[in-house]
C-alpha atoms as a PDB file:
ATOM      1  CA  MET A   1       0.699  42.017-124.181  1.00  0.00           C
ATOM      2  CA  LEU A   2       3.985  43.792-124.616  1.00  0.00           C
ATOM      3  CA  ALA A   3       7.204  41.802-124.522  1.00  0.00           C
ATOM      4  CA  VAL A   4       9.996  44.333-124.069  1.00  0.00           C
ATOM      5  CA  GLY A   5      13.181  43.031-125.645  1.00  0.00           C
ATOM      6  CA  ALA A   6      11.489  40.013-127.221  1.00  0.00           C
ATOM      7  CA  ASP A   7      12.128  39.019-130.811  1.00  0.00           C
ATOM      8  CA  ALA A   8       8.704  37.407-131.144  1.00  0.00           C
ATOM      9  CA  VAL A   9       5.366  37.242-129.356  1.00  0.00           C
ATOM     10  CA  TYR A  10       2.895  34.369-129.418  1.00  0.00           C
ATOM     11  CA  ILE A  11      -0.526  35.514-130.627  1.00  0.00           C
ATOM     12  CA  GLY A  12      -1.976  32.101-131.494  1.00  0.00           C
ATOM     13  CA  GLY A  13      -5.011  32.077-129.222  1.00  0.00           C
ATOM     14  CA  SER A  14      -5.887  35.703-129.938  1.00  0.00           C
ATOM     15  CA  ALA A  15      -5.440  35.215-133.679  1.00  0.00           C
ATOM     16  CA  LEU A  16      -7.672  32.135-133.657  1.00  0.00           C
ATOM     17  CA  LEU A  17     -10.439  34.020-131.855  1.00  0.00           C
ATOM     18  CA  ALA A  18     -10.064  36.950-134.248  1.00  0.00           C
ATOM     19  CA  MET A  19     -10.319  34.499-137.157  1.00  0.00           C
ATOM     20  CA  VAL A  20     -13.559  32.835-136.085  1.00  0.00           C
ATOM     21  CA  TYR A  21     -15.388  35.626-134.219  1.00  0.00           C
ATOM     22  CA  PRO A  22     -17.037  37.138-137.331  1.00  0.00           C
ATOM     23  CA  GLN A  23     -18.229  33.666-138.304  1.00  0.00           C
ATOM     24  CA  LEU A  24     -19.942  32.738-135.037  1.00  0.00           C
ATOM     25  CA  ASP A  25     -23.257  34.329-136.036  1.00  0.00           C
ATOM     26  CA  GLY A  26     -24.057  31.374-138.283  1.00  0.00           C
ATOM     27  CA  LEU A  27     -23.672  28.845-135.477  1.00  0.00           C
ATOM     28  CA  PRO A  28     -26.050  27.812-132.693  1.00  0.00           C
ATOM     29  CA  ALA A  29     -25.941  30.087-129.639  1.00  0.00           C
ATOM     30  CA  GLY A  30     -23.366  28.995-127.092  1.00  0.00           C
ATOM     31  CA  THR A  31     -21.182  27.145-129.597  1.00  0.00           C
ATOM     32  CA  ASN A  32     -17.541  27.069-128.510  1.00  0.00           C
ATOM     33  CA  PRO A  33     -15.445  28.969-131.106  1.00  0.00           C
ATOM     34  CA  ASP A  34     -12.928  26.123-131.328  1.00  0.00           C
ATOM     35  CA  GLN A  35     -15.599  24.005-133.024  1.00  0.00           C
ATOM     36  CA  LEU A  36     -14.868  26.042-136.169  1.00  0.00           C
ATOM     37  CA  PHE A  37     -11.104  25.518-136.343  1.00  0.00           C
ATOM     38  CA  LEU A  38     -10.253  22.233-134.628  1.00  0.00           C
ATOM     39  CA  TYR A  39      -9.700  19.278-136.937  1.00  0.00           C
ATOM     40  CA  THR A  40     -12.375  17.376-135.016  1.00  0.00           C
ATOM     41  CA  GLY A  41     -14.619  20.444-134.628  1.00  0.00           C
ATOM     42  CA  GLU A  42     -18.329  19.983-135.150  1.00  0.00           C
ATOM     43  CA  TYR A  43     -18.524  22.967-137.537  1.00  0.00           C
ATOM     44  CA  VAL A  44     -15.077  22.870-139.163  1.00  0.00           C
ATOM     45  CA  ASP A  45     -16.743  22.520-142.580  1.00  0.00           C
ATOM     46  CA  LYS A  46     -18.366  25.960-142.085  1.00  0.00           C
ATOM     47  CA  LEU A  47     -15.060  27.799-141.564  1.00  0.00           C
ATOM     48  CA  ASP A  48     -14.505  30.390-144.289  1.00  0.00           C
ATOM     49  CA  VAL A  49     -10.702  30.488-144.443  1.00  0.00           C
ATOM     50  CA  GLU A  50     -10.567  33.596-146.636  1.00  0.00           C
ATOM     51  CA  GLN A  51     -12.862  35.554-144.304  1.00  0.00           C
ATOM     52  CA  GLY A  52     -10.781  34.278-141.370  1.00  0.00           C
ATOM     53  CA  ALA A  53      -7.534  35.439-142.978  1.00  0.00           C
ATOM     54  CA  ILE A  54      -8.988  38.912-143.529  1.00  0.00           C
ATOM     55  CA  ALA A  55     -10.119  39.028-139.884  1.00  0.00           C
ATOM     56  CA  VAL A  56      -6.636  38.043-138.634  1.00  0.00           C
ATOM     57  CA  ALA A  57      -5.031  40.705-140.856  1.00  0.00           C
ATOM     58  CA  LYS A  58      -7.386  43.312-139.344  1.00  0.00           C
ATOM     59  CA  PHE A  59      -6.523  42.073-135.845  1.00  0.00           C
ATOM     60  CA  ILE A  60      -2.790  42.467-136.516  1.00  0.00           C
ATOM     61  CA  ARG A  61      -3.309  45.955-137.996  1.00  0.00           C
ATOM     62  CA  ALA A  62      -5.390  46.997-134.981  1.00  0.00           C
ATOM     63  CA  SER A  63      -2.777  45.591-132.585  1.00  0.00           C
ATOM     64  CA  THR A  64      -0.045  47.530-134.392  1.00  0.00           C
ATOM     65  CA  ILE A  65      -2.014  50.774-134.095  1.00  0.00           C
ATOM     66  CA  GLU A  66      -2.671  50.070-130.420  1.00  0.00           C
ATOM     67  CA  LEU A  67       1.067  49.642-129.782  1.00  0.00           C
ATOM     68  CA  GLN A  68       1.805  52.872-131.655  1.00  0.00           C
ATOM     69  CA  LEU A  69      -0.718  54.682-129.429  1.00  0.00           C
ATOM     70  CA  LEU A  70       0.892  53.135-126.351  1.00  0.00           C
ATOM     71  CA  ALA A  71       4.296  54.451-127.424  1.00  0.00           C
ATOM     72  CA  GLN A  72       2.852  57.932-128.016  1.00  0.00           C
ATOM     73  CA  THR A  73       1.134  57.876-124.619  1.00  0.00           C
ATOM     74  CA  LEU A  74       4.518  57.218-123.036  1.00  0.00           C
ATOM     75  CA  GLY A  75       6.052  60.116-124.971  1.00  0.00           C
ATOM     76  CA  LYS A  76       8.018  57.794-127.242  1.00  0.00           C
ATOM     77  CA  ASP A  77       8.192  58.097-131.007  1.00  0.00           C
ATOM     78  CA  ASN A  78       8.847  54.405-131.556  1.00  0.00           C
ATOM     79  CA  ILE A  79       7.626  51.214-129.896  1.00  0.00           C
ATOM     80  CA  HIS A  80      11.239  50.053-129.739  1.00  0.00           C
ATOM     81  CA  SER A  81      12.014  52.964-127.418  1.00  0.00           C
ATOM     82  CA  ILE A  82       9.836  51.527-124.635  1.00  0.00           C
ATOM     83  CA  GLN A  83      11.906  50.134-121.774  1.00  0.00           C
ATOM     84  CA  SER A  84      10.966  48.176-118.680  1.00  0.00           C
ATOM     85  CA  ASP A  85      11.277  51.330-116.558  1.00  0.00           C
ATOM     86  CA  ASP A  86       8.363  52.781-118.577  1.00  0.00           C
ATOM     87  CA  MET A  87       6.087  50.129-117.064  1.00  0.00           C
ATOM     88  CA  VAL A  88       4.725  49.148-113.675  1.00  0.00           C
ATOM     89  CA  ALA A  89       3.425  45.862-112.297  1.00  0.00           C
ATOM     90  CA  LEU A  90      -0.031  45.577-110.780  1.00  0.00           C
ATOM     91  CA  SER A  91       0.832  42.833-108.296  1.00  0.00           C
ATOM     92  CA  HIS A  92       3.713  41.949-106.008  1.00  0.00           C
ATOM     93  CA  GLN A  93       4.179  38.617-107.783  1.00  0.00           C
ATOM     94  CA  ILE A  94       4.484  40.161-111.242  1.00  0.00           C
ATOM     95  CA  ALA A  95       6.856  42.834-109.919  1.00  0.00           C
ATOM     96  CA  GLU A  96       9.053  40.182-108.332  1.00  0.00           C
ATOM     97  CA  ILE A  97       9.067  37.910-111.396  1.00  0.00           C
ATOM     98  CA  THR A  98       9.682  40.647-113.968  1.00  0.00           C
ATOM     99  CA  GLY A  99      11.788  43.103-112.001  1.00  0.00           C
ATOM    100  CA  VAL A 100       9.366  45.874-112.954  1.00  0.00           C
ATOM    101  CA  ALA A 101       8.468  48.422-110.277  1.00  0.00           C
ATOM    102  CA  LEU A 102       5.228  47.944-108.394  1.00  0.00           C
ATOM    103  CA  ALA A 103       2.528  50.492-109.331  1.00  0.00           C
ATOM    104  CA  TYR A 104       1.601  51.133-105.698  1.00  0.00           C
ATOM    105  CA  THR A 105       3.127  50.841-102.244  1.00  0.00           C
END
């Protein structure tokens, strides 16, 4: 997700999944990941907070690198240089809502 002009972006759901994903191996197959981090989760006692924090830090680092690569792909030297006219929408609805040009006609 890229929020052009935004001061902040919500990464809560993605960060939670990044936090628990490495720890799912120790749980029964098919266990919902939220069972590790919800207060009422069945496996909340098995959550390794330190390992989770390291995983979230790696997720944020990887996301930062991905955004840097996106900027370079667009010929920009800085993520802050990306403007809405550098993007296209993949559906009529998104184009109409965001004011971004449609990718096809």
